[in-house]
Amino acid sequence: MQALAERLRVRHNTAVERVDRLALAGFLFRTRSRKDGRRVLVELRAKGRRMLEGLARKHLIELRRSGPELIRSLTKVAAATRRSAPKR
């Protein structure tokens, strides 16, 4: 669970709470490792996979829509930063 918490960039207890809620809602299930009973394995159920695929599609659509404007804005910020940086 610690590895998952690190990957999500949250505290261990936050990851445990989220996994518990998602398991209760039927999006994933958790089991103990057969090799090391201290380790918890988390696996998506079909319902969780469908939800993630839907979210990924929505995020891709949003990136395609807003991506060009984001690039223009970041380019302006980068240019302004270069102009205001002290000369060496």
N, C-alpha and C. Protein backbone atom coordinates (compact mmCIF):
# COMPACT_ATOMS: atom_id res chain seq x y z
N MET A 1 0.83 -1.19 0.00
CA MET A 1 0.00 0.00 0.00
C MET A 1 0.88 1.26 0.00
N GLN A 2 2.07 1.14 0.58
CA GLN A 2 2.97 2.29 0.62
C GLN A 2 3.38 2.70 -0.79
N ALA A 3 3.65 1.72 -1.64
CA ALA A 3 4.04 2.03 -3.03
C ALA A 3 2.91 2.77 -3.75
N LEU A 4 1.67 2.34 -3.52
CA LEU A 4 0.53 3.01 -4.13
C LEU A 4 0.41 4.44 -3.60
N ALA A 5 0.58 4.61 -2.31
CA ALA A 5 0.51 5.95 -1.72
C ALA A 5 1.57 6.86 -2.32
N GLU A 6 2.77 6.35 -2.49
CA GLU A 6 3.84 7.16 -3.09
C GLU A 6 3.51 7.52 -4.53
N ARG A 7 2.97 6.56 -5.25
CA ARG A 7 2.62 6.82 -6.66
C ARG A 7 1.51 7.87 -6.78
N LEU A 8 0.56 7.82 -5.85
CA LEU A 8 -0.53 8.80 -5.83
C LEU A 8 -0.12 10.11 -5.18
N ARG A 9 1.05 10.09 -4.55
CA ARG A 9 1.56 11.27 -3.82
C ARG A 9 0.62 11.68 -2.69
N VAL A 10 0.21 10.68 -1.92
CA VAL A 10 -0.62 10.90 -0.75
C VAL A 10 -0.02 10.12 0.41
N ARG A 11 -0.52 10.38 1.60
CA ARG A 11 -0.07 9.64 2.77
C ARG A 11 -0.64 8.22 2.72
N HIS A 12 0.05 7.32 3.42
CA HIS A 12 -0.36 5.92 3.46
C HIS A 12 -1.82 5.77 3.89
N ASN A 13 -2.20 6.44 4.97
CA ASN A 13 -3.58 6.28 5.47
C ASN A 13 -4.60 6.81 4.47
N THR A 14 -4.25 7.82 3.69
CA THR A 14 -5.16 8.33 2.66
C THR A 14 -5.35 7.29 1.57
N ALA A 15 -4.27 6.64 1.16
CA ALA A 15 -4.37 5.58 0.14
C ALA A 15 -5.23 4.43 0.65
N VAL A 16 -5.05 4.05 1.91
CA VAL A 16 -5.84 2.96 2.49
C VAL A 16 -7.32 3.33 2.48
N GLU A 17 -7.65 4.55 2.87
CA GLU A 17 -9.04 4.99 2.88
C GLU A 17 -9.64 4.97 1.48
N ARG A 18 -8.89 5.45 0.51
CA ARG A 18 -9.39 5.47 -0.87
C ARG A 18 -9.59 4.06 -1.41
N VAL A 19 -8.64 3.19 -1.15
CA VAL A 19 -8.77 1.81 -1.61
C VAL A 19 -9.98 1.16 -0.95
N ASP A 20 -10.16 1.39 0.34
CA ASP A 20 -11.31 0.81 1.04
C ASP A 20 -12.62 1.28 0.42
N ARG A 21 -12.73 2.59 0.13
CA ARG A 21 -13.96 3.13 -0.46
C ARG A 21 -14.20 2.57 -1.85
N LEU A 22 -13.14 2.49 -2.65
CA LEU A 22 -13.28 1.96 -4.02
C LEU A 22 -13.62 0.47 -3.99
N ALA A 23 -13.07 -0.26 -3.04
CA ALA A 23 -13.41 -1.68 -2.92
C ALA A 23 -14.87 -1.85 -2.50
N LEU A 24 -15.31 -1.04 -1.56
CA LEU A 24 -16.69 -1.10 -1.10
C LEU A 24 -17.67 -0.78 -2.24
N ALA A 25 -17.27 0.12 -3.13
CA ALA A 25 -18.12 0.51 -4.26
C ALA A 25 -18.02 -0.47 -5.43
N GLY A 26 -17.14 -1.46 -5.32
CA GLY A 26 -17.04 -2.48 -6.36
C GLY A 26 -16.11 -2.14 -7.51
N PHE A 27 -15.26 -1.13 -7.34
CA PHE A 27 -14.34 -0.75 -8.41
C PHE A 27 -13.05 -1.57 -8.40
N LEU A 28 -12.69 -2.11 -7.26
CA LEU A 28 -11.47 -2.89 -7.16
C LEU A 28 -11.60 -3.88 -6.02
N PHE A 29 -10.64 -4.78 -5.93
CA PHE A 29 -10.60 -5.65 -4.77
C PHE A 29 -9.18 -5.73 -4.28
N ARG A 30 -9.06 -6.02 -3.00
CA ARG A 30 -7.74 -6.10 -2.39
C ARG A 30 -7.58 -7.47 -1.75
N THR A 31 -6.37 -7.99 -1.86
CA THR A 31 -6.05 -9.29 -1.26
C THR A 31 -4.67 -9.19 -0.63
N ARG A 32 -4.37 -10.13 0.22
CA ARG A 32 -3.04 -10.22 0.82
C ARG A 32 -2.15 -11.06 -0.10
N SER A 33 -0.90 -10.70 -0.18
CA SER A 33 0.06 -11.46 -0.97
C SER A 33 0.25 -12.84 -0.34
N ARG A 34 0.32 -13.86 -1.18
CA ARG A 34 0.57 -15.21 -0.67
C ARG A 34 2.01 -15.36 -0.19
N LYS A 35 2.92 -14.63 -0.85
CA LYS A 35 4.34 -14.72 -0.50
C LYS A 35 4.65 -13.93 0.77
N ASP A 36 3.99 -12.78 0.94
CA ASP A 36 4.25 -11.91 2.08
C ASP A 36 2.93 -11.35 2.57
N GLY A 37 2.40 -11.92 3.61
CA GLY A 37 1.09 -11.54 4.12
C GLY A 37 0.97 -10.10 4.56
N ARG A 38 2.11 -9.42 4.70
CA ARG A 38 2.08 -8.00 5.07
C ARG A 38 1.72 -7.12 3.88
N ARG A 39 1.93 -7.64 2.69
CA ARG A 39 1.67 -6.86 1.47
C ARG A 39 0.22 -7.00 1.04
N VAL A 40 -0.34 -5.87 0.61
CA VAL A 40 -1.72 -5.85 0.11
C VAL A 40 -1.66 -5.65 -1.41
N LEU A 41 -2.37 -6.49 -2.13
CA LEU A 41 -2.45 -6.37 -3.58
C LEU A 41 -3.79 -5.77 -3.95
N VAL A 42 -3.78 -4.82 -4.86
CA VAL A 42 -4.99 -4.13 -5.28
C VAL A 42 -5.16 -4.37 -6.78
N GLU A 43 -6.37 -4.77 -7.17
CA GLU A 43 -6.62 -5.04 -8.59
C GLU A 43 -7.97 -4.46 -8.99
N LEU A 44 -7.99 -3.86 -10.17
CA LEU A 44 -9.24 -3.29 -10.68
C LEU A 44 -10.21 -4.38 -11.07
N ARG A 45 -11.46 -4.15 -10.79
CA ARG A 45 -12.53 -5.01 -11.30
C ARG A 45 -12.96 -4.41 -12.65
N ALA A 46 -13.81 -5.10 -13.37
CA ALA A 46 -14.28 -4.60 -14.67
C ALA A 46 -14.92 -3.23 -14.52
N LYS A 47 -15.70 -3.04 -13.45
CA LYS A 47 -16.35 -1.75 -13.21
C LYS A 47 -15.31 -0.63 -13.05
N GLY A 48 -14.23 -0.90 -12.35
CA GLY A 48 -13.16 0.09 -12.16
C GLY A 48 -12.44 0.38 -13.46
N ARG A 49 -12.20 -0.66 -14.25
CA ARG A 49 -11.53 -0.49 -15.54
C ARG A 49 -12.37 0.39 -16.47
N ARG A 50 -13.69 0.13 -16.49
CA ARG A 50 -14.58 0.95 -17.34
C ARG A 50 -14.56 2.41 -16.88
N MET A 51 -14.57 2.63 -15.58
CA MET A 51 -14.55 3.99 -15.07
C MET A 51 -13.25 4.69 -15.48
N LEU A 52 -12.12 4.01 -15.32
CA LEU A 52 -10.84 4.61 -15.69
C LEU A 52 -10.76 4.90 -17.19
N GLU A 53 -11.26 3.99 -17.99
CA GLU A 53 -11.24 4.22 -19.44
C GLU A 53 -12.09 5.43 -19.80
N GLY A 54 -13.24 5.58 -19.15
CA GLY A 54 -14.09 6.75 -19.39
C GLY A 54 -13.41 8.05 -18.98
N LEU A 55 -12.76 8.02 -17.82
CA LEU A 55 -12.04 9.22 -17.37
C LEU A 55 -10.89 9.56 -18.31
N ALA A 56 -10.17 8.55 -18.76
CA ALA A 56 -9.05 8.79 -19.67
C ALA A 56 -9.55 9.42 -20.97
N ARG A 57 -10.68 8.93 -21.49
CA ARG A 57 -11.25 9.52 -22.71
C ARG A 57 -11.60 10.98 -22.50
N LYS A 58 -12.26 11.28 -21.36
CA LYS A 58 -12.64 12.67 -21.08
C LYS A 58 -11.42 13.56 -20.94
N HIS A 59 -10.37 13.07 -20.27
CA HIS A 59 -9.16 13.87 -20.11
C HIS A 59 -8.47 14.12 -21.45
N LEU A 60 -8.47 13.11 -22.30
CA LEU A 60 -7.86 13.28 -23.63
C LEU A 60 -8.62 14.32 -24.44
N ILE A 61 -9.93 14.28 -24.39
CA ILE A 61 -10.75 15.28 -25.09
C ILE A 61 -10.44 16.67 -24.57
N GLU A 62 -10.35 16.80 -23.25
CA GLU A 62 -10.04 18.11 -22.64
C GLU A 62 -8.66 18.60 -23.04
N LEU A 63 -7.67 17.70 -23.06
CA LEU A 63 -6.32 18.10 -23.47
C LEU A 63 -6.29 18.54 -24.94
N ARG A 64 -7.01 17.82 -25.78
CA ARG A 64 -7.06 18.21 -27.19
C ARG A 64 -7.72 19.57 -27.37
N ARG A 65 -8.74 19.84 -26.53
CA ARG A 65 -9.46 21.10 -26.62
C ARG A 65 -8.62 22.26 -26.06
N SER A 66 -8.04 22.06 -24.89
CA SER A 66 -7.36 23.17 -24.22
C SER A 66 -5.85 23.17 -24.42
N GLY A 67 -5.31 22.09 -24.98
CA GLY A 67 -3.86 21.98 -25.14
C GLY A 67 -3.21 23.12 -25.90
N PRO A 68 -3.72 23.50 -27.07
CA PRO A 68 -3.08 24.59 -27.82
C PRO A 68 -3.04 25.91 -27.02
N GLU A 69 -4.09 26.23 -26.32
CA GLU A 69 -4.10 27.45 -25.51
C GLU A 69 -3.11 27.34 -24.35
N LEU A 70 -3.03 26.18 -23.75
CA LEU A 70 -2.09 25.96 -22.66
C LEU A 70 -0.66 26.14 -23.16
N ILE A 71 -0.36 25.61 -24.33
CA ILE A 71 0.98 25.75 -24.90
C ILE A 71 1.29 27.22 -25.16
N ARG A 72 0.32 27.97 -25.73
CA ARG A 72 0.55 29.40 -25.98
C ARG A 72 0.83 30.14 -24.67
N SER A 73 0.05 29.85 -23.65
CA SER A 73 0.22 30.52 -22.36
C SER A 73 1.57 30.19 -21.74
N LEU A 74 1.95 28.93 -21.76
CA LEU A 74 3.22 28.53 -21.18
C LEU A 74 4.40 29.12 -21.97
N THR A 75 4.24 29.23 -23.27
CA THR A 75 5.29 29.85 -24.09
C THR A 75 5.48 31.31 -23.70
N LYS A 76 4.38 32.02 -23.47
CA LYS A 76 4.46 33.42 -23.04
C LYS A 76 5.14 33.54 -21.69
N VAL A 77 4.78 32.67 -20.77
CA VAL A 77 5.38 32.70 -19.43
C VAL A 77 6.88 32.41 -19.53
N ALA A 78 7.25 31.42 -20.32
CA ALA A 78 8.67 31.08 -20.47
C ALA A 78 9.44 32.24 -21.09
N ALA A 79 8.86 32.90 -22.08
CA ALA A 79 9.53 34.03 -22.72
C ALA A 79 9.70 35.18 -21.73
N ALA A 80 8.67 35.47 -20.96
CA ALA A 80 8.74 36.55 -19.98
C ALA A 80 9.77 36.21 -18.90
N THR A 81 9.86 34.97 -18.52
CA THR A 81 10.84 34.55 -17.51
C THR A 81 12.25 34.72 -18.03
N ARG A 82 12.47 34.36 -19.29
CA ARG A 82 13.81 34.51 -19.88
C ARG A 82 14.18 36.00 -19.96
N ARG A 83 13.22 36.84 -20.32
CA ARG A 83 13.51 38.28 -20.42
C ARG A 83 13.85 38.90 -19.07
N SER A 84 13.19 38.43 -18.01
CA SER A 84 13.40 39.05 -16.71
C SER A 84 14.49 38.38 -15.90
N ALA A 85 15.07 37.29 -16.40
CA ALA A 85 16.14 36.61 -15.66
C ALA A 85 17.38 37.47 -15.67
N PRO A 86 18.11 37.50 -14.55
CA PRO A 86 19.35 38.28 -14.50
C PRO A 86 20.39 37.73 -15.48
N LYS A 87 21.12 38.61 -16.11
CA LYS A 87 22.16 38.21 -17.06
C LYS A 87 23.37 37.71 -16.29
N ARG A 88 24.06 36.73 -16.84
CA ARG A 88 25.26 36.18 -16.18
C ARG A 88 26.50 36.69 -16.84
